[in-house]
PDB file of N, CA and C in Angstrom:
ATOM      1  N   UNK A   1       5.244  -1.512  -3.939  1.00  0.00           N
ATOM      2  CA  UNK A   1       4.235  -1.008  -4.536  1.00  0.00           C
ATOM      3  C   UNK A   1       4.109  -1.795  -6.011  1.00  0.00           C
ATOM      4  N   UNK A   2       5.080  -1.392  -6.745  1.00  0.00           N
ATOM      5  CA  UNK A   2       5.158  -1.828  -8.172  1.00  0.00           C
ATOM      6  C   UNK A   2       4.602  -3.078  -8.486  1.00  0.00           C
ATOM      7  N   UNK A   3       5.121  -4.134  -7.115  1.00  0.00           N
ATOM      8  CA  UNK A   3       4.460  -5.736  -7.516  1.00  0.00           C
ATOM      9  C   UNK A   3       3.125  -5.698  -7.049  1.00  0.00           C
ATOM     10  N   UNK A   4       2.385  -4.879  -5.992  1.00  0.00           N
ATOM     11  CA  UNK A   4       1.377  -5.041  -6.204  1.00  0.00           C
ATOM     12  C   UNK A   4       0.476  -4.061  -7.422  1.00  0.00           C
ATOM     13  N   UNK A   5       0.803  -3.152  -7.876  1.00  0.00           N
ATOM     14  CA  UNK A   5       0.108  -2.666  -9.021  1.00  0.00           C
ATOM     15  C   UNK A   5       0.084  -4.483 -10.006  1.00  0.00           C
ATOM     16  N   UNK A   6       0.998  -5.054 -10.465  1.00  0.00           N
ATOM     17  CA  UNK A   6       1.363  -5.919 -11.375  1.00  0.00           C
ATOM     18  C   UNK A   6       0.180  -6.966 -10.708  1.00  0.00           C
ATOM     19  N   UNK A   7      -0.127  -7.369  -9.734  1.00  0.00           N
ATOM     20  CA  UNK A   7      -0.829  -8.038  -9.048  1.00  0.00           C
ATOM     21  C   UNK A   7      -2.186  -7.467  -8.447  1.00  0.00           C
ATOM     22  N   UNK A   8      -2.823  -7.055  -9.109  1.00  0.00           N
ATOM     23  CA  UNK A   8      -4.220  -6.040  -8.880  1.00  0.00           C
ATOM     24  C   UNK A   8      -5.284  -7.500  -8.233  1.00  0.00           C
ATOM     25  N   UNK A   9      -4.993  -8.388  -9.505  1.00  0.00           N
ATOM     26  CA  UNK A   9      -6.604  -9.382  -9.425  1.00  0.00           C
ATOM     27  C   UNK A   9      -5.838  -9.932  -8.405  1.00  0.00           C
ATOM     28  N   UNK A  10      -4.899 -10.047  -7.506  1.00  0.00           N
ATOM     29  CA  UNK A  10      -5.226 -11.739  -6.543  1.00  0.00           C
ATOM     30  C   UNK A  10      -5.292 -10.901  -5.014  1.00  0.00           C
ATOM     31  N   UNK A  11      -6.034 -11.723  -4.332  1.00  0.00           N
ATOM     32  CA  UNK A  11      -6.195 -11.399  -3.387  1.00  0.00           C
ATOM     33  C   UNK A  11      -4.951 -11.027  -1.999  1.00  0.00           C
ATOM     34  N   UNK A  12      -5.262  -9.464  -1.454  1.00  0.00           N
ATOM     35  CA  UNK A  12      -4.067  -9.556  -0.703  1.00  0.00           C
ATOM     36  C   UNK A  12      -4.779  -8.746   0.834  1.00  0.00           C
ATOM     37  N   UNK A  13      -4.022  -9.176   1.195  1.00  0.00           N
ATOM     38  CA  UNK A  13      -4.488  -8.620   3.173  1.00  0.00           C
ATOM     39  C   UNK A  13      -2.772  -7.895   3.418  1.00  0.00           C
ATOM     40  N   UNK A  14      -2.745  -7.434   4.609  1.00  0.00           N
ATOM     41  CA  UNK A  14      -1.742  -6.749   5.254  1.00  0.00           C
ATOM     42  C   UNK A  14      -0.497  -8.014   5.261  1.00  0.00           C
ATOM     43  N   UNK A  15      -1.261  -8.894   5.782  1.00  0.00           N
ATOM     44  CA  UNK A  15      -0.180 -10.111   6.371  1.00  0.00           C
ATOM     45  C   UNK A  15       0.494 -10.644   5.008  1.00  0.00           C
ATOM     46  N   UNK A  16       0.069 -10.789   3.839  1.00  0.00           N
ATOM     47  CA  UNK A  16       0.691 -11.457   2.502  1.00  0.00           C
ATOM     48  C   UNK A  16       1.412 -10.407   1.996  1.00  0.00           C
ATOM     49  N   UNK A  17       0.990  -8.996   1.931  1.00  0.00           N
ATOM     50  CA  UNK A  17       1.642  -8.097   1.480  1.00  0.00           C
ATOM     51  C   UNK A  17       3.242  -7.945   2.635  1.00  0.00           C
ATOM     52  N   UNK A  18       3.346  -7.593   3.621  1.00  0.00           N
ATOM     53  CA  UNK A  18       3.685  -7.921   4.623  1.00  0.00           C
ATOM     54  C   UNK A  18       5.070  -8.750   4.388  1.00  0.00           C
ATOM     55  N   UNK A  19       4.445 -10.601   4.041  1.00  0.00           N
ATOM     56  CA  UNK A  19       5.414 -11.582   3.815  1.00  0.00           C
ATOM     57  C   UNK A  19       5.723 -11.262   2.562  1.00  0.00           C
ATOM     58  N   UNK A  20       5.272 -10.347   1.726  1.00  0.00           N
ATOM     59  CA  UNK A  20       6.172 -10.424   0.119  1.00  0.00           C
ATOM     60  C   UNK A  20       6.921  -9.505   0.229  1.00  0.00           C
ATOM     61  N   UNK A  21       6.655  -8.428   0.964  1.00  0.00           N
ATOM     62  CA  UNK A  21       8.108  -7.209   1.409  1.00  0.00           C
ATOM     63  C   UNK A  21       8.781  -7.993   2.160  1.00  0.00           C
ATOM     64  N   UNK A  22       8.777  -9.269   2.870  1.00  0.00           N
ATOM     65  CA  UNK A  22      10.024  -9.280   3.801  1.00  0.00           C
ATOM     66  C   UNK A  22       9.777  -8.055   4.984  1.00  0.00           C
ATOM     67  N   UNK A  23       8.734  -7.979   5.506  1.00  0.00           N
ATOM     68  CA  UNK A  23       8.466  -7.493   6.538  1.00  0.00           C
ATOM     69  C   UNK A  23       7.817  -7.189   7.386  1.00  0.00           C
ATOM     70  N   UNK A  24       7.208  -7.182   8.643  1.00  0.00           N
ATOM     71  CA  UNK A  24       6.121  -7.343   9.541  1.00  0.00           C
ATOM     72  C   UNK A  24       5.000  -6.390   9.311  1.00  0.00           C
ATOM     73  N   UNK A  25       4.144  -6.744   9.647  1.00  0.00           N
ATOM     74  CA  UNK A  25       3.006  -6.083   9.397  1.00  0.00           C
ATOM     75  C   UNK A  25       2.968  -4.484   9.842  1.00  0.00           C
ATOM     76  N   UNK A  26       3.299  -4.857  11.040  1.00  0.00           N
ATOM     77  CA  UNK A  26       3.895  -3.078  11.886  1.00  0.00           C
ATOM     78  C   UNK A  26       4.697  -2.071  10.661  1.00  0.00           C
ATOM     79  N   UNK A  27       5.643  -2.813  10.621  1.00  0.00           N
ATOM     80  CA  UNK A  27       6.945  -2.265   9.712  1.00  0.00           C
ATOM     81  C   UNK A  27       6.413  -1.881   8.321  1.00  0.00           C
ATOM     82  N   UNK A  28       5.609  -2.738   7.464  1.00  0.00           N
ATOM     83  CA  UNK A  28       4.918  -2.494   6.434  1.00  0.00           C
ATOM     84  C   UNK A  28       4.230  -0.904   6.517  1.00  0.00           C
ATOM     85  N   UNK A  29       3.396  -0.907   7.744  1.00  0.00           N
ATOM     86  CA  UNK A  29       2.109  -0.003   7.304  1.00  0.00           C
ATOM     87  C   UNK A  29       2.857   0.997   7.753  1.00  0.00           C
ATOM     88  N   UNK A  30       3.830   1.207   8.336  1.00  0.00           N
ATOM     89  CA  UNK A  30       4.694   2.260   9.082  1.00  0.00           C
ATOM     90  C   UNK A  30       5.137   2.987   7.372  1.00  0.00           C
ATOM     91  N   UNK A  31       6.148   2.265   6.378  1.00  0.00           N
ATOM     92  CA  UNK A  31       6.880   2.698   5.856  1.00  0.00           C
ATOM     93  C   UNK A  31       5.675   3.217   4.861  1.00  0.00           C
ATOM     94  N   UNK A  32       5.094   2.129   4.495  1.00  0.00           N
ATOM     95  CA  UNK A  32       3.969   2.708   3.189  1.00  0.00           C
ATOM     96  C   UNK A  32       3.246   3.836   3.759  1.00  0.00           C
ATOM     97  N   UNK A  33       2.944   4.189   5.337  1.00  0.00           N
ATOM     98  CA  UNK A  33       1.836   5.559   5.042  1.00  0.00           C
ATOM     99  C   UNK A  33       3.061   6.795   5.329  1.00  0.00           C
ATOM    100  N   UNK A  34       4.506   6.266   5.561  1.00  0.00           N
ATOM    101  CA  UNK A  34       5.384   7.411   5.193  1.00  0.00           C
ATOM    102  C   UNK A  34       5.758   7.934   4.235  1.00  0.00           C
ATOM    103  N   UNK A  35       5.612   6.606   3.425  1.00  0.00           N
ATOM    104  CA  UNK A  35       5.863   6.527   1.713  1.00  0.00           C
ATOM    105  C   UNK A  35       4.643   7.314   0.709  1.00  0.00           C
ATOM    106  N   UNK A  36       3.836   7.410   1.029  1.00  0.00           N
ATOM    107  CA  UNK A  36       2.392   7.456   0.266  1.00  0.00           C
ATOM    108  C   UNK A  36       1.195   8.127   0.998  1.00  0.00           C
ATOM    109  N   UNK A  37       1.266   8.289   2.148  1.00  0.00           N
ATOM    110  CA  UNK A  37       0.135   9.021   3.341  1.00  0.00           C
ATOM    111  C   UNK A  37      -0.968   7.866   3.545  1.00  0.00           C
ATOM    112  N   UNK A  38      -0.958   6.602   3.073  1.00  0.00           N
ATOM    113  CA  UNK A  38      -2.153   5.746   2.923  1.00  0.00           C
ATOM    114  C   UNK A  38      -1.316   4.677   3.661  1.00  0.00           C
ATOM    115  N   UNK A  39      -2.210   3.623   4.211  1.00  0.00           N
ATOM    116  CA  UNK A  39      -2.441   2.218   4.368  1.00  0.00           C
ATOM    117  C   UNK A  39      -2.041   1.157   3.518  1.00  0.00           C
ATOM    118  N   UNK A  40      -2.011   0.324   3.178  1.00  0.00           N
ATOM    119  CA  UNK A  40      -1.248  -0.309   2.661  1.00  0.00           C
ATOM    120  C   UNK A  40      -2.459  -0.856   1.524  1.00  0.00           C
ATOM    121  N   UNK A  41      -3.307  -1.112   2.120  1.00  0.00           N
ATOM    122  CA  UNK A  41      -4.866  -1.426   1.630  1.00  0.00           C
ATOM    123  C   UNK A  41      -5.689  -0.735   0.916  1.00  0.00           C
ATOM    124  N   UNK A  42      -5.317   0.546   1.534  1.00  0.00           N
ATOM    125  CA  UNK A  42      -6.259   1.882   1.105  1.00  0.00           C
ATOM    126  C   UNK A  42      -5.286   2.470  -0.320  1.00  0.00           C
ATOM    127  N   UNK A  43      -4.132   2.140  -0.314  1.00  0.00           N
ATOM    128  CA  UNK A  43      -3.562   2.577  -1.582  1.00  0.00           C
ATOM    129  C   UNK A  43      -3.778   1.276  -2.648  1.00  0.00           C
ATOM    130  N   UNK A  44      -3.945   0.325  -2.284  1.00  0.00           N
ATOM    131  CA  UNK A  44      -4.694  -0.824  -3.086  1.00  0.00           C
ATOM    132  C   UNK A  44      -5.314  -0.576  -3.754  1.00  0.00           C
ATOM    133  N   UNK A  45      -6.586  -0.411  -2.646  1.00  0.00           N
ATOM    134  CA  UNK A  45      -7.668  -0.040  -3.385  1.00  0.00           C
ATOM    135  C   UNK A  45      -7.695   1.210  -4.343  1.00  0.00           C
ATOM    136  N   UNK A  46      -7.405   2.398  -4.049  1.00  0.00           N
ATOM    137  CA  UNK A  46      -7.201   3.183  -5.074  1.00  0.00           C
ATOM    138  C   UNK A  46      -7.176   2.909  -6.264  1.00  0.00           C
ATOM    139  N   UNK A  47      -5.863   2.098  -6.135  1.00  0.00           N
ATOM    140  CA  UNK A  47      -5.206   1.658  -7.840  1.00  0.00           C
ATOM    141  C   UNK A  47      -5.848   0.426  -8.064  1.00  0.00           C
ATOM    142  N   UNK A  48      -6.535   0.006  -7.103  1.00  0.00           N
ATOM    143  CA  UNK A  48      -7.598  -0.803  -8.129  1.00  0.00           C
ATOM    144  C   UNK A  48      -9.229   0.351  -8.499  1.00  0.00           C
ATOM    145  N   UNK A  49      -9.222   0.880  -8.011  1.00  0.00           N
ATOM    146  CA  UNK A  49      -9.949   1.753  -8.771  1.00  0.00           C
ATOM    147  C   UNK A  49      -9.904   2.517 -10.493  1.00  0.00           C
ATOM    148  N   UNK A  50      -8.136   2.973 -10.197  1.00  0.00           N
ATOM    149  CA  UNK A  50      -7.737   3.851 -11.236  1.00  0.00           C
ATOM    150  C   UNK A  50      -8.568   3.106 -12.247  1.00  0.00           C
ATOM    151  N   UNK A  51      -7.490   1.476 -11.679  1.00  0.00           N
ATOM    152  CA  UNK A  51      -7.838   0.653 -13.189  1.00  0.00           C
ATOM    153  C   UNK A  51      -8.870  -0.215 -13.599  1.00  0.00           C
ATOM    154  N   UNK A  52     -10.062   0.472 -12.284  1.00  0.00           N
ATOM    155  CA  UNK A  52     -11.297  -0.239 -13.300  1.00  0.00           C
ATOM    156  C   UNK A  52     -11.802   0.797 -13.972  1.00  0.00           C
ATOM    157  N   UNK A  53     -11.566   2.285 -13.521  1.00  0.00           N
ATOM    158  CA  UNK A  53     -11.982   3.474 -14.084  1.00  0.00           C
ATOM    159  C   UNK A  53     -11.422   3.132 -15.700  1.00  0.00           C
ATOM    160  N   UNK A  54     -10.060   2.900 -15.693  1.00  0.00           N
ATOM    161  CA  UNK A  54      -9.305   3.245 -17.265  1.00  0.00           C
ATOM    162  C   UNK A  54     -10.201   1.755 -17.881  1.00  0.00           C
ATOM    163  N   UNK A  55     -10.264   0.480 -17.318  1.00  0.00           N
ATOM    164  CA  UNK A  55     -11.099  -0.262 -18.119  1.00  0.00           C
ATOM    165  C   UNK A  55     -12.830   0.382 -18.622  1.00  0.00           C
ATOM    166  N   UNK A  56     -13.309   0.729 -17.078  1.00  0.00           N
ATOM    167  CA  UNK A  56     -14.687   1.282 -17.490  1.00  0.00           C
ATOM    168  C   UNK A  56     -14.658   2.228 -18.698  1.00  0.00           C
ATOM    169  N   UNK A  57     -13.815   3.183 -19.056  1.00  0.00           N
ATOM    170  CA  UNK A  57     -13.443   4.051 -20.233  1.00  0.00           C
ATOM    171  C   UNK A  57     -13.129   3.329 -21.498  1.00  0.00           C
ATOM    172  N   UNK A  58     -12.483   2.508 -21.700  1.00  0.00           N
ATOM    173  CA  UNK A  58     -12.189   2.234 -22.659  1.00  0.00           C
ATOM    174  C   UNK A  58     -12.490   0.202 -23.548  1.00  0.00           C
ATOM    175  N   UNK A  59     -13.231  -0.380 -23.107  1.00  0.00           N
ATOM    176  CA  UNK A  59     -13.686  -1.123 -22.968  1.00  0.00           C
ATOM    177  C   UNK A  59     -15.689  -1.169 -22.197  1.00  0.00           C
ATOM    178  N   UNK A  60     -15.712  -2.197 -23.650  1.00  0.00           N
ATOM    179  CA  UNK A  60     -17.161  -2.658 -23.095  1.00  0.00           C
ATOM    180  C   UNK A  60     -17.769  -3.673 -22.136  1.00  0.00           C
ATOM    181  N   UNK A  61     -16.883  -4.416 -21.419  1.00  0.00           N
ATOM    182  CA  UNK A  61     -16.820  -5.741 -20.939  1.00  0.00           C
ATOM    183  C   UNK A  61     -18.056  -5.120 -19.877  1.00  0.00           C
ATOM    184  N   UNK A  62     -18.526  -6.593 -19.339  1.00  0.00           N
ATOM    185  CA  UNK A  62     -20.090  -6.258 -18.093  1.00  0.00           C
ATOM    186  C   UNK A  62     -19.200  -5.873 -17.093  1.00  0.00           C
ATOM    187  N   UNK A  63     -19.454  -5.230 -16.086  1.00  0.00           N
ATOM    188  CA  UNK A  63     -19.155  -4.729 -14.594  1.00  0.00           C
ATOM    189  C   UNK A  63     -18.692  -6.044 -14.063  1.00  0.00           C
ATOM    190  N   UNK A  64     -19.066  -7.249 -14.010  1.00  0.00           N
ATOM    191  CA  UNK A  64     -18.716  -8.191 -13.378  1.00  0.00           C
ATOM    192  C   UNK A  64     -17.063  -8.342 -13.351  1.00  0.00           C
ATOM    193  N   UNK A  65     -16.435  -8.313 -15.194  1.00  0.00           N
ATOM    194  CA  UNK A  65     -15.739  -8.735 -15.747  1.00  0.00           C
ATOM    195  C   UNK A  65     -14.619  -7.395 -14.641  1.00  0.00           C
ATOM    196  N   UNK A  66     -14.903  -6.383 -15.407  1.00  0.00           N
ATOM    197  CA  UNK A  66     -14.396  -5.104 -14.710  1.00  0.00           C
ATOM    198  C   UNK A  66     -13.971  -5.431 -13.327  1.00  0.00           C
ATOM    199  N   UNK A  67     -14.711  -5.546 -12.554  1.00  0.00           N
ATOM    200  CA  UNK A  67     -14.323  -5.799 -10.862  1.00  0.00           C
ATOM    201  C   UNK A  67     -13.562  -7.194 -10.554  1.00  0.00           C
ATOM    202  N   UNK A  68     -13.580  -7.993 -11.524  1.00  0.00           N
ATOM    203  CA  UNK A  68     -12.507  -8.960 -11.517  1.00  0.00           C
ATOM    204  C   UNK A  68     -11.172  -8.817 -11.938  1.00  0.00           C
ATOM    205  N   UNK A  69     -11.196  -8.330 -13.021  1.00  0.00           N
ATOM    206  CA  UNK A  69      -9.961  -7.233 -13.651  1.00  0.00           C
ATOM    207  C   UNK A  69      -9.342  -6.758 -12.559  1.00  0.00           C
ATOM    208  N   UNK A  70      -9.286  -6.090 -11.967  1.00  0.00           N
ATOM    209  CA  UNK A  70      -9.130  -4.924 -11.199  1.00  0.00           C
ATOM    210  C   UNK A  70      -8.863  -5.520  -9.599  1.00  0.00           C
ATOM    211  N   UNK A  71     -10.026  -6.601  -9.261  1.00  0.00           N
ATOM    212  CA  UNK A  71      -9.232  -7.256  -7.978  1.00  0.00           C
ATOM    213  C   UNK A  71      -9.860  -6.906  -6.897  1.00  0.00           C
ATOM    214  N   UNK A  72     -11.282  -6.754  -7.314  1.00  0.00           N
ATOM    215  CA  UNK A  72     -12.505  -6.975  -6.091  1.00  0.00           C
ATOM    216  C   UNK A  72     -13.007  -8.280  -6.055  1.00  0.00           C
ATOM    217  N   UNK A  73     -13.310  -8.685  -5.195  1.00  0.00           N
ATOM    218  CA  UNK A  73     -14.014  -9.901  -4.655  1.00  0.00           C
ATOM    219  C   UNK A  73     -15.240 -10.081  -4.781  1.00  0.00           C
ATOM    220  N   UNK A  74     -15.991  -8.979  -5.129  1.00  0.00           N
ATOM    221  CA  UNK A  74     -17.303  -8.895  -5.320  1.00  0.00           C
ATOM    222  C   UNK A  74     -17.565  -7.886  -6.496  1.00  0.00           C
ATOM    223  N   UNK A  75     -18.457  -7.983  -6.712  1.00  0.00           N
ATOM    224  CA  UNK A  75     -19.420  -6.676  -7.574  1.00  0.00           C
ATOM    225  C   UNK A  75     -19.879  -5.763  -6.016  1.00  0.00           C
ATOM    226  N   UNK A  76     -20.208  -5.792  -5.306  1.00  0.00           N
ATOM    227  CA  UNK A  76     -20.886  -5.066  -4.018  1.00  0.00           C
ATOM    228  C   UNK A  76     -19.396  -4.362  -3.856  1.00  0.00           C
ATOM    229  N   UNK A  77     -18.312  -4.768  -3.651  1.00  0.00           N
ATOM    230  CA  UNK A  77     -17.475  -4.540  -2.862  1.00  0.00           C
ATOM    231  C   UNK A  77     -16.804  -3.639  -3.450  1.00  0.00           C
ATOM    232  N   UNK A  78     -16.801  -3.938  -5.239  1.00  0.00           N
ATOM    233  CA  UNK A  78     -16.531  -2.930  -6.435  1.00  0.00           C
ATOM    234  C   UNK A  78     -16.988  -1.837  -6.436  1.00  0.00           C
ATOM    235  N   UNK A  79     -18.367  -1.809  -6.496  1.00  0.00           N
ATOM    236  CA  UNK A  79     -19.683  -0.502  -5.957  1.00  0.00           C
ATOM    237  C   UNK A  79     -18.885   0.261  -5.239  1.00  0.00           C
ATOM    238  N   UNK A  80     -18.917  -0.314  -3.840  1.00  0.00           N
ATOM    239  CA  UNK A  80     -18.888   0.229  -2.964  1.00  0.00           C
ATOM    240  C   UNK A  80     -17.383   1.396  -2.750  1.00  0.00           C
ATOM    241  N   UNK A  81     -16.282   0.682  -3.250  1.00  0.00           N
ATOM    242  CA  UNK A  81     -14.972   1.200  -3.395  1.00  0.00           C
ATOM    243  C   UNK A  81     -15.325   2.444  -4.318  1.00  0.00           C
ATOM    244  N   UNK A  82     -15.407   1.885  -5.181  1.00  0.00           N
ATOM    245  CA  UNK A  82     -15.554   2.883  -6.236  1.00  0.00           C
ATOM    246  C   UNK A  82     -16.258   4.108  -6.653  1.00  0.00           C
ATOM    247  N   UNK A  83     -18.355   3.999  -5.982  1.00  0.00           N
ATOM    248  CA  UNK A  83     -18.492   4.898  -5.472  1.00  0.00           C
ATOM    249  C   UNK A  83     -17.952   5.794  -4.151  1.00  0.00           C
ATOM    250  N   UNK A  84     -17.463   4.931  -3.019  1.00  0.00           N
ATOM    251  CA  UNK A  84     -16.574   6.070  -2.162  1.00  0.00           C
ATOM    252  C   UNK A  84     -15.179   6.739  -2.592  1.00  0.00           C
ATOM    253  N   UNK A  85     -14.933   5.785  -3.955  1.00  0.00           N
ATOM    254  CA  UNK A  85     -14.072   7.577  -4.205  1.00  0.00           C
ATOM    255  C   UNK A  85     -14.160   8.134  -5.332  1.00  0.00           C
ATOM    256  N   UNK A  86     -14.934   8.030  -6.474  1.00  0.00           N
ATOM    257  CA  UNK A  86     -15.562   8.590  -7.388  1.00  0.00           C
ATOM    258  C   UNK A  86     -16.684   9.440  -7.447  1.00  0.00           C
ATOM    259  N   UNK A  87     -17.204   8.868  -6.764  1.00  0.00           N
ATOM    260  CA  UNK A  87     -18.713   9.675  -6.032  1.00  0.00           C
ATOM    261  C   UNK A  87     -19.443   9.548  -7.149  1.00  0.00           C
ATOM    262  N   UNK A  88     -19.681   7.965  -7.601  1.00  0.00           N
ATOM    263  CA  UNK A  88     -20.778   7.915  -8.767  1.00  0.00           C
ATOM    264  C   UNK A  88     -20.508   6.350  -8.870  1.00  0.00           C
ATOM    265  N   UNK A  89     -21.415   5.493  -9.553  1.00  0.00           N
ATOM    266  CA  UNK A  89     -21.842   4.274  -9.565  1.00  0.00           C
ATOM    267  C   UNK A  89     -20.821   3.483 -11.002  1.00  0.00           C
ATOM    268  N   UNK A  90     -19.970   2.609 -11.038  1.00  0.00           N
ATOM    269  CA  UNK A  90     -19.135   2.346 -12.147  1.00  0.00           C
ATOM    270  C   UNK A  90     -20.294   2.535 -12.898  1.00  0.00           C
ATOM    271  N   UNK A  91     -21.321   2.224 -13.142  1.00  0.00           N
ATOM    272  CA  UNK A  91     -22.412   2.739 -14.430  1.00  0.00           C
ATOM    273  C   UNK A  91     -22.427   3.816 -14.777  1.00  0.00           C
ATOM    274  N   UNK A  92     -22.437   4.891 -14.124  1.00  0.00           N
ATOM    275  CA  UNK A  92     -22.916   5.867 -13.867  1.00  0.00           C
ATOM    276  C   UNK A  92     -21.412   6.819 -14.577  1.00  0.00           C
ATOM    277  N   UNK A  93     -20.662   6.205 -13.808  1.00  0.00           N
ATOM    278  CA  UNK A  93     -19.230   6.798 -14.423  1.00  0.00           C
ATOM    279  C   UNK A  93     -18.738   6.759 -15.996  1.00  0.00           C
ATOM    280  N   UNK A  94     -18.998   5.453 -16.485  1.00  0.00           N
ATOM    281  CA  UNK A  94     -19.282   4.812 -17.494  1.00  0.00           C
ATOM    282  C   UNK A  94     -20.221   5.731 -18.679  1.00  0.00           C
ATOM    283  N   UNK A  95     -21.683   5.755 -18.577  1.00  0.00           N
ATOM    284  CA  UNK A  95     -22.050   6.649 -19.155  1.00  0.00           C
ATOM    285  C   UNK A  95     -21.636   8.549 -18.955  1.00  0.00           C
ATOM    286  N   UNK A  96     -21.336   8.599 -17.954  1.00  0.00           N
ATOM    287  CA  UNK A  96     -21.074  10.341 -17.997  1.00  0.00           C
ATOM    288  C   UNK A  96     -19.703  10.080 -18.967  1.00  0.00           C
ATOM    289  N   UNK A  97     -18.732   9.726 -18.927  1.00  0.00           N
ATOM    290  CA  UNK A  97     -17.444   9.286 -19.599  1.00  0.00           C
ATOM    291  C   UNK A  97     -18.000   9.442 -21.140  1.00  0.00           C
ATOM    292  N   UNK A  98     -18.786   8.631 -21.447  1.00  0.00           N
ATOM    293  CA  UNK A  98     -19.155   8.120 -22.855  1.00  0.00           C
ATOM    294  C   UNK A  98     -20.015   9.480 -23.609  1.00  0.00           C
ATOM    295  N   UNK A  99     -20.100  10.231 -22.138  1.00  0.00           N
ATOM    296  CA  UNK A  99     -21.554  11.967 -22.644  1.00  0.00           C
ATOM    297  C   UNK A  99     -20.186  12.732 -22.660  1.00  0.00           C
ATOM    298  N   UNK A 100     -19.513  12.638 -21.813  1.00  0.00           N
ATOM    299  CA  UNK A 100     -18.383  13.601 -22.203  1.00  0.00           C
ATOM    300  C   UNK A 100     -17.251  13.465 -23.314  1.00  0.00           C
ATOM    301  N   UNK A 101     -17.513  12.221 -23.560  1.00  0.00           N
ATOM    302  CA  UNK A 101     -16.252  12.036 -24.972  1.00  0.00           C
ATOM    303  C   UNK A 101     -17.134  12.800 -26.085  1.00  0.00           C
ATOM    304  N   UNK A 102     -18.512  12.032 -25.951  1.00  0.00           N
ATOM    305  CA  UNK A 102     -19.528  12.200 -27.236  1.00  0.00           C
ATOM    306  C   UNK A 102     -19.218  13.705 -27.347  1.00  0.00           C
ATOM    307  N   UNK A 103     -19.505  14.692 -25.874  1.00  0.00           N
ATOM    308  CA  UNK A 103     -19.884  16.088 -25.866  1.00  0.00           C
ATOM    309  C   UNK A 103     -18.629  16.766 -26.598  1.00  0.00           C
ATOM    310  N   UNK A 104     -17.049  16.383 -26.348  1.00  0.00           N
ATOM    311  CA  UNK A 104     -15.941  16.806 -27.088  1.00  0.00           C
ATOM    312  C   UNK A 104     -15.860  17.153 -28.139  1.00  0.00           C
ATOM    313  N   UNK A 105     -16.467  15.671 -28.623  1.00  0.00           N
ATOM    314  CA  UNK A 105     -16.183  15.475 -30.179  1.00  0.00           C
ATOM    315  C   UNK A 105     -17.394  16.070 -30.986  1.00  0.00           C
ATOM    316  N   UNK A 106     -18.338  16.655 -30.395  1.00  0.00           N
ATOM    317  CA  UNK A 106     -19.747  17.687 -31.267  1.00  0.00           C
ATOM    318  C   UNK A 106     -18.635  19.091 -30.970  1.00  0.00           C
ATOM    319  N   UNK A 107     -18.052  19.486 -30.221  1.00  0.00           N
ATOM    320  CA  UNK A 107     -17.490  20.665 -29.665  1.00  0.00           C
ATOM    321  C   UNK A 107     -16.182  20.780 -30.779  1.00  0.00           C
ATOM    322  N   UNK A 108     -15.454  20.014 -31.021  1.00  0.00           N
ATOM    323  CA  UNK A 108     -14.469  19.756 -32.155  1.00  0.00           C
ATOM    324  C   UNK A 108     -15.015  19.786 -33.311  1.00  0.00           C
ATOM    325  N   UNK A 109     -16.331  20.057 -34.030  1.00  0.00           N
ATOM    326  CA  UNK A 109     -16.471  19.822 -35.300  1.00  0.00           C
ATOM    327  C   UNK A 109     -16.449  21.311 -35.860  1.00  0.00           C
TER     328      UNK A 109
END
């Protein structure tokens, strides 16, 4: 899993992940599911979305850059997976996060 985190930007398939782990695809799938409750690809997508959230919160970089850095092959794929897990588009998330930060700062005054 740590190797996958360090290589989020790389394209991965179940076959390439199994090869990297020196396991059969079936064994990798079973062991990963036992350890995480998720398939390797589902886990990878969640990690990519988590990293994208961090980038959206901490940078002003354009969405295509965030998508690329997080390892999504296209902006469409990025938006679809992001919305599916976060229940907001990347643009909405960034805006809401900034509003929350601004509101927190006002409350703290």
